[in-house]
Amino acid sequence: MAAREVMSWELFGQASRELAELVAKDGYVPDLILGVARGGLFATGALGYSLNVKNMHVLNVEFYTGVDERLDAPVMLAPVPRHADLAGARVLIADDVADTGATLDLVRDFCAGHVAEARCAVLYEKPRSTVKCDYVWRRTEQWITFPWSALPPLVGPSPAE
């Protein structure tokens, strides 16, 4: 098995706080945080508390289906936030990793023309990412094992899947 970047819950706490410090030191004050589900939800909550932002929205995007296995393109899943709820806002897009950049590209395109400004904050960014994020805690080429996905699910897929 190839080498991996392993993030513990303790390291996540440190990383998310340091990521928030990058945003704060830059002087960016978001009106809302747009979290990319699922992995980005953890960073979204931590950034919300650290940056004192209570207005958070979620964009459900499916792309990865397994370790380094993905769909041909990311797909937004319902419910999708209304553009009216984001109108004119300074948005901080939060995700766990910018791997290929395809997911963040989709989210930035979703925001384009509707928000005053959108910036991206991620825990990890890979060199191959087509999106160069505004705020990055760590850069790596390795696959990342996050604490929330380190163990297999307790239940299998639903019959509809």
Protein backbone atom coordinates (compact mmCIF):
# COMPACT_ATOMS: atom_id res chain seq x y z
CA MET A 1 0.00 0.00 0.00
CA ALA A 2 1.26 3.47 -0.89
CA ALA A 3 2.20 5.93 1.82
CA ARG A 4 -0.69 7.94 3.21
CA GLU A 5 -1.18 11.17 5.02
CA VAL A 6 -3.07 10.26 8.21
CA MET A 7 -5.06 12.87 10.10
CA SER A 8 -6.19 12.10 13.64
CA TRP A 9 -9.04 13.92 15.38
CA GLU A 10 -6.46 15.81 17.44
CA LEU A 11 -4.55 16.86 14.32
CA PHE A 12 -7.85 17.89 12.70
CA GLY A 13 -8.51 20.24 15.64
CA GLN A 14 -5.09 21.83 15.22
CA ALA A 15 -5.33 21.97 11.42
CA SER A 16 -8.80 23.52 11.32
CA ARG A 17 -7.80 26.19 13.85
CA GLU A 18 -4.64 27.01 11.87
CA LEU A 19 -6.69 27.14 8.65
CA ALA A 20 -9.07 29.62 10.29
CA GLU A 21 -6.08 31.68 11.43
CA LEU A 22 -4.96 31.97 7.78
CA VAL A 23 -8.37 33.36 6.83
CA ALA A 24 -8.48 35.76 9.80
CA LYS A 25 -4.92 37.02 9.28
CA ASP A 26 -5.75 37.70 5.63
CA GLY A 27 -8.61 39.94 6.76
CA TYR A 28 -11.26 38.00 4.86
CA VAL A 29 -14.58 38.19 6.70
CA PRO A 30 -17.08 35.81 5.10
CA ASP A 31 -20.81 36.38 5.43
CA LEU A 32 -21.35 32.65 5.13
CA ILE A 33 -19.49 29.39 4.81
CA LEU A 34 -20.51 27.01 2.05
CA GLY A 35 -19.47 23.51 3.07
CA VAL A 36 -18.94 20.75 0.54
CA ALA A 37 -20.53 17.57 1.88
CA ARG A 38 -19.52 15.15 3.10
CA GLY A 39 -15.88 15.62 4.05
CA GLY A 40 -16.03 19.39 4.05
CA LEU A 41 -18.71 19.45 6.74
CA PHE A 42 -16.15 18.94 9.48
CA ALA A 43 -13.98 21.82 8.28
CA THR A 44 -17.10 23.96 7.79
CA GLY A 45 -18.21 23.58 11.40
CA ALA A 46 -14.72 24.17 12.78
CA LEU A 47 -14.19 27.25 10.60
CA GLY A 48 -17.62 28.56 11.55
CA TYR A 49 -16.78 28.48 15.24
CA SER A 50 -13.25 29.85 14.83
CA LEU A 51 -14.30 32.67 12.50
CA ASN A 52 -17.55 33.38 14.39
CA VAL A 53 -19.66 32.74 11.28
CA LYS A 54 -23.07 31.29 12.08
CA ASN A 55 -24.52 31.37 8.57
CA MET A 56 -23.57 28.06 6.94
CA HIS A 57 -24.91 26.31 3.88
CA VAL A 58 -24.19 22.85 2.51
CA LEU A 59 -23.69 21.78 -1.06
CA ASN A 60 -23.89 18.01 -1.48
CA VAL A 61 -21.48 16.87 -4.17
CA GLU A 62 -20.78 13.27 -5.14
CA PHE A 63 -17.49 12.52 -6.88
CA TYR A 64 -15.44 9.90 -5.05
CA THR A 65 -16.77 6.37 -4.93
CA GLY A 66 -13.74 4.76 -3.24
CA VAL A 67 -10.02 5.16 -2.68
CA ASP A 68 -8.84 7.08 -5.75
CA GLU A 69 -12.03 5.98 -7.58
CA ARG A 70 -14.40 8.62 -8.84
CA LEU A 71 -17.26 9.38 -11.19
CA ASP A 72 -16.45 10.96 -14.56
CA ALA A 73 -17.49 14.34 -13.15
CA PRO A 74 -18.78 15.62 -9.81
CA VAL A 75 -22.55 15.81 -9.42
CA MET A 76 -24.60 18.09 -7.16
CA LEU A 77 -27.20 16.25 -5.10
CA ALA A 78 -30.43 17.67 -3.67
CA PRO A 79 -31.11 19.77 -1.77
CA VAL A 80 -29.18 22.50 -3.56
CA PRO A 81 -29.01 25.92 -1.86
CA ARG A 82 -30.99 28.67 -3.54
CA HIS A 83 -28.90 31.31 -5.27
CA ALA A 84 -31.06 33.93 -3.53
CA ASP A 85 -29.71 32.71 -0.16
CA LEU A 86 -26.16 33.43 -1.33
CA ALA A 87 -26.85 36.65 -3.24
CA GLY A 88 -24.26 39.36 -2.70
CA ALA A 89 -22.49 37.43 0.07
CA ARG A 90 -18.79 37.04 0.75
CA VAL A 91 -18.55 33.24 0.73
CA LEU A 92 -15.91 30.94 2.13
CA ILE A 93 -16.11 27.56 0.38
CA ALA A 94 -14.84 24.87 2.76
CA ASP A 95 -13.77 21.33 1.88
CA ASP A 96 -11.45 18.71 3.27
CA VAL A 97 -9.23 18.34 0.19
CA ALA A 98 -8.63 19.88 -3.22
CA ASP A 99 -7.57 16.72 -5.06
CA THR A 100 -8.31 17.10 -8.77
CA GLY A 101 -10.08 20.42 -8.22
CA ALA A 102 -13.18 19.27 -10.10
CA THR A 103 -15.49 19.49 -7.09
CA LEU A 104 -14.31 22.97 -6.12
CA ASP A 105 -14.60 24.08 -9.76
CA LEU A 106 -18.24 22.96 -9.73
CA VAL A 107 -18.92 24.82 -6.48
CA ARG A 108 -17.17 28.00 -7.64
CA ASP A 109 -19.17 27.89 -10.89
CA PHE A 110 -22.35 27.48 -8.82
CA CYS A 111 -21.45 30.67 -6.90
CA ALA A 112 -20.27 32.71 -9.90
CA GLY A 113 -22.44 35.68 -10.71
CA HIS A 114 -24.47 35.27 -7.52
CA VAL A 115 -22.05 36.15 -4.72
CA ALA A 116 -19.92 39.21 -4.05
CA GLU A 117 -16.81 37.08 -3.61
CA ALA A 118 -15.97 33.41 -3.11
CA ARG A 119 -12.75 32.09 -1.65
CA CYS A 120 -11.76 28.49 -0.98
CA ALA A 121 -10.33 27.00 2.22
CA VAL A 122 -9.19 23.38 2.43
CA LEU A 123 -7.29 21.27 4.88
CA TYR A 124 -5.24 19.67 2.09
CA GLU A 125 -4.39 20.63 -1.47
CA LYS A 126 -2.72 18.34 -3.98
CA PRO A 127 -0.37 19.64 -6.67
CA ARG A 128 -2.61 18.31 -9.45
CA SER A 129 -5.61 20.35 -8.30
CA THR A 130 -6.89 22.64 -11.04
CA VAL A 131 -8.14 24.97 -8.29
CA LYS A 132 -5.47 26.75 -6.30
CA CYS A 133 -7.20 27.48 -3.02
CA ASP A 134 -6.92 30.76 -1.17
CA TYR A 135 -6.32 29.06 2.18
CA VAL A 136 -4.56 25.72 2.58
CA TRP A 137 -3.40 24.06 5.78
CA ARG A 138 -1.10 21.49 4.15
CA ARG A 139 -0.07 20.39 0.67
CA THR A 140 0.51 16.72 -0.10
CA GLU A 141 0.65 14.28 -3.00
CA GLN A 142 -0.46 11.36 -0.84
CA TRP A 143 -3.90 9.87 -0.32
CA ILE A 144 -5.32 11.23 2.94
CA THR A 145 -6.97 9.15 5.63
CA PHE A 146 -9.30 11.48 7.53
CA PRO A 147 -10.54 10.56 11.01
CA TRP A 148 -14.19 10.60 9.87
CA SER A 149 -13.56 8.11 7.08
CA ALA A 150 -10.78 5.98 8.56
CA LEU A 151 -13.15 3.15 9.49
CA PRO A 152 -15.58 1.42 7.12
CA PRO A 153 -19.29 2.25 7.32
CA LEU A 154 -21.33 0.25 9.82
CA VAL A 155 -24.04 -0.40 7.25
CA GLY A 156 -23.98 -1.13 3.53
CA PRO A 157 -25.57 0.86 0.76
CA SER A 158 -29.31 1.27 0.77
CA PRO A 159 -31.32 -1.00 -1.57
CA ALA A 160 -31.86 1.97 -3.92
CA GLU A 161 -28.13 2.43 -4.48
